Amino acid sequence: MNDLGIVIKQLIRKQKLTGQEVAKQIGITPPNLSQIINGHAKPRQGTFTKLCQVLGNDKKDEKLLVDAFLRVKEGAPEAEPMDPEDYKNAEIERAERFLEVKSQSIAFKRSVARELAAGGASYQQDYCEGIYVTDFLVEQDGKRIALECKFNVQRDFDKTTTITTLLKEQFKCDEIYIVVPFLEANPNSPKQAGVLELRDLLSVLQ
């Protein structure tokens, strides 16, 4: 990020705007604005003029923008405007990918619930205390066991293991497990403690 990107971010926060709102007001797409903020490109003159109109509420803020703009390296490429229709289609594709993963995660969570019900386990789904929430809290034979469902094991797995540490302490659990579809799909370690396949779930509850 260069000086111009830093100033733009500061003024966006100062005016309590979002990047999307600013991009819309100056007539570019959010990815175009992100290119400028991250220093990957400099704004075209027309774009910069509109940027000053939106963010330069007073002479001081406008001067900050102009000074920062003048410090952008001469050789920096100008931001190529993305076609709004292409941007719209890219956003639709990204949203559909997210919805596909979300639907798979929900389906997997339902599979875990069916497995627990089939085994006669007493459980609470989406159990929470304040900001802490776990997918399933099982109370059986005087034990408290929390279950975190992880369908997409290749995404943020380290974060999930950190969360389990917090949840075990918060909920005072005897055990906590990350339930995955298949152990071999876990890129970190197939034999990692606390990670088990769905098919092995009931065996650890007995």
Foldseek 3Di string as FASTA:
>chain_A
DAQLLVLLVVLCVVVVHDLQVLCVQLPAHSVLNVCCNVLQAPEDPSSLVSSCVVRVPDPVSSVSNVVRNVPRDPPRHYRDGDDPVVVVVVVVVVVVVVVVVVVVQVVVLVVLVVLCVVLVWDWDAQDDDVPQTAGIWTQDPNFTETEHEDAPLVPPVVVVVVSQVVNCVVVVGPAYAYEYQALVNHPPDSPDPRYDYSVCVVVVVD
